[in-house]
């Protein structure tokens, strides 16, 4: 598991589309090895991000609520809190 991807299920306030996209983008970066897109990789990379984000939304919608909140905050929330 990529250590940079945090648990999104059970967040309060609920996860945002931006947080889902950021997690999807991090996942696609990790599995593809593409850190910065080029003309040769951009279309496939962005399509993969959309697919992973859509699958994440569907998964989170179908899972039951968590009993306890996740132990860590997503990076976008940490940035907003510190910035």
C-alpha atoms as a PDB file:
ATOM      1  CA  UNK A   1       0.000   0.000   0.000  1.00  0.00           C
ATOM      2  CA  UNK A   2       1.259   3.445  -0.838  1.00  0.00           C
ATOM      3  CA  UNK A   3       1.874   5.308   2.395  1.00  0.00           C
ATOM      4  CA  UNK A   4       0.821   8.617   0.833  1.00  0.00           C
ATOM      5  CA  UNK A   5      -2.732   7.478   0.189  1.00  0.00           C
ATOM      6  CA  UNK A   6      -4.905   7.984   3.245  1.00  0.00           C
ATOM      7  CA  UNK A   7      -8.218   6.411   4.201  1.00  0.00           C
ATOM      8  CA  UNK A   8     -11.117   8.453   2.852  1.00  0.00           C
ATOM      9  CA  UNK A   9     -14.012   6.459   4.271  1.00  0.00           C
ATOM     10  CA  UNK A  10     -15.466   7.876   7.476  1.00  0.00           C
ATOM     11  CA  UNK A  11     -14.042  11.382   7.278  1.00  0.00           C
ATOM     12  CA  UNK A  12     -15.894  14.226   8.969  1.00  0.00           C
ATOM     13  CA  UNK A  13     -16.785  16.357   7.139  1.00  0.00           C
ATOM     14  CA  UNK A  14     -17.259  13.815   4.334  1.00  0.00           C
ATOM     15  CA  UNK A  15     -14.619  13.375   1.667  1.00  0.00           C
ATOM     16  CA  UNK A  16     -14.644  15.939  -1.144  1.00  0.00           C
ATOM     17  CA  UNK A  17     -14.314  15.317  -4.889  1.00  0.00           C
ATOM     18  CA  UNK A  18     -10.933  17.082  -4.747  1.00  0.00           C
ATOM     19  CA  UNK A  19      -9.684  14.664  -2.076  1.00  0.00           C
ATOM     20  CA  UNK A  20     -10.881  11.683  -4.102  1.00  0.00           C
ATOM     21  CA  UNK A  21      -9.128  12.994  -7.212  1.00  0.00           C
ATOM     22  CA  UNK A  22      -5.912  13.659  -5.275  1.00  0.00           C
ATOM     23  CA  UNK A  23      -5.919  10.093  -3.933  1.00  0.00           C
ATOM     24  CA  UNK A  24      -6.649   8.693  -7.407  1.00  0.00           C
ATOM     25  CA  UNK A  25      -3.852  10.794  -8.889  1.00  0.00           C
ATOM     26  CA  UNK A  26      -1.391   9.569  -6.242  1.00  0.00           C
ATOM     27  CA  UNK A  27      -2.396   5.952  -6.848  1.00  0.00           C
ATOM     28  CA  UNK A  28      -1.983   6.279 -10.631  1.00  0.00           C
ATOM     29  CA  UNK A  29       1.400   7.992 -10.161  1.00  0.00           C
ATOM     30  CA  UNK A  30       2.557   5.150  -7.928  1.00  0.00           C
ATOM     31  CA  UNK A  31       1.450   2.231 -10.098  1.00  0.00           C
ATOM     32  CA  UNK A  32       2.483   3.838 -13.396  1.00  0.00           C
ATOM     33  CA  UNK A  33       5.779   5.339 -12.287  1.00  0.00           C
ATOM     34  CA  UNK A  34       4.747   8.563 -14.054  1.00  0.00           C
ATOM     35  CA  UNK A  35       5.446  11.529 -11.798  1.00  0.00           C
ATOM     36  CA  UNK A  36       5.070  14.205 -14.451  1.00  0.00           C
ATOM     37  CA  UNK A  37       3.021  13.631 -17.587  1.00  0.00           C
ATOM     38  CA  UNK A  38       4.275  14.240 -21.099  1.00  0.00           C
ATOM     39  CA  UNK A  39       2.466  14.357 -24.406  1.00  0.00           C
ATOM     40  CA  UNK A  40       2.995  10.596 -24.650  1.00  0.00           C
ATOM     41  CA  UNK A  41       1.521   9.805 -21.218  1.00  0.00           C
ATOM     42  CA  UNK A  42      -0.986  12.539 -20.396  1.00  0.00           C
ATOM     43  CA  UNK A  43      -4.107  11.104 -22.053  1.00  0.00           C
ATOM     44  CA  UNK A  44      -3.711   7.608 -20.563  1.00  0.00           C
ATOM     45  CA  UNK A  45      -2.722   9.043 -17.167  1.00  0.00           C
ATOM     46  CA  UNK A  46      -5.724  11.385 -16.931  1.00  0.00           C
ATOM     47  CA  UNK A  47      -8.105   8.672 -18.122  1.00  0.00           C
ATOM     48  CA  UNK A  48      -6.766   6.344 -15.409  1.00  0.00           C
ATOM     49  CA  UNK A  49      -7.216   9.075 -12.776  1.00  0.00           C
ATOM     50  CA  UNK A  50     -10.871   9.510 -13.822  1.00  0.00           C
ATOM     51  CA  UNK A  51     -11.504   5.754 -13.736  1.00  0.00           C
ATOM     52  CA  UNK A  52      -9.897   5.327 -10.311  1.00  0.00           C
ATOM     53  CA  UNK A  53     -11.742   8.380  -8.929  1.00  0.00           C
ATOM     54  CA  UNK A  54     -15.080   7.075 -10.243  1.00  0.00           C
ATOM     55  CA  UNK A  55     -14.404   3.630  -8.771  1.00  0.00           C
ATOM     56  CA  UNK A  56     -13.494   5.247  -5.445  1.00  0.00           C
ATOM     57  CA  UNK A  57     -16.737   7.239  -5.357  1.00  0.00           C
ATOM     58  CA  UNK A  58     -18.732   4.107  -6.123  1.00  0.00           C
ATOM     59  CA  UNK A  59     -16.883   2.096  -3.473  1.00  0.00           C
ATOM     60  CA  UNK A  60     -17.320   4.731  -0.756  1.00  0.00           C
ATOM     61  CA  UNK A  61     -21.015   5.091  -1.610  1.00  0.00           C
ATOM     62  CA  UNK A  62     -21.590   1.346  -1.249  1.00  0.00           C
ATOM     63  CA  UNK A  63     -19.659   0.681   1.971  1.00  0.00           C
ATOM     64  CA  UNK A  64     -21.371   0.965   5.359  1.00  0.00           C
ATOM     65  CA  UNK A  65     -20.345   3.854   7.631  1.00  0.00           C
ATOM     66  CA  UNK A  66     -17.191   3.420   9.687  1.00  0.00           C
ATOM     67  CA  UNK A  67     -17.469   3.033  13.431  1.00  0.00           C
ATOM     68  CA  UNK A  68     -14.336   5.090  14.014  1.00  0.00           C
ATOM     69  CA  UNK A  69     -12.832   7.883  11.924  1.00  0.00           C
ATOM     70  CA  UNK A  70      -9.580   7.227  10.060  1.00  0.00           C
ATOM     71  CA  UNK A  71      -6.367   7.815  12.021  1.00  0.00           C
ATOM     72  CA  UNK A  72      -4.845  10.217   9.493  1.00  0.00           C
ATOM     73  CA  UNK A  73      -6.166  13.181   7.521  1.00  0.00           C
ATOM     74  CA  UNK A  74      -5.878  13.408   3.749  1.00  0.00           C
ATOM     75  CA  UNK A  75      -3.047  15.682   2.566  1.00  0.00           C
ATOM     76  CA  UNK A  76      -5.408  18.408   1.293  1.00  0.00           C
ATOM     77  CA  UNK A  77      -6.886  18.763   4.795  1.00  0.00           C
ATOM     78  CA  UNK A  78      -3.449  18.897   6.408  1.00  0.00           C
ATOM     79  CA  UNK A  79      -2.429  21.632   3.960  1.00  0.00           C
ATOM     80  CA  UNK A  80      -5.598  23.627   4.587  1.00  0.00           C
ATOM     81  CA  UNK A  81      -5.142  23.378   8.359  1.00  0.00           C
ATOM     82  CA  UNK A  82      -1.482  24.431   8.312  1.00  0.00           C
ATOM     83  CA  UNK A  83      -1.723  27.039   5.585  1.00  0.00           C
END
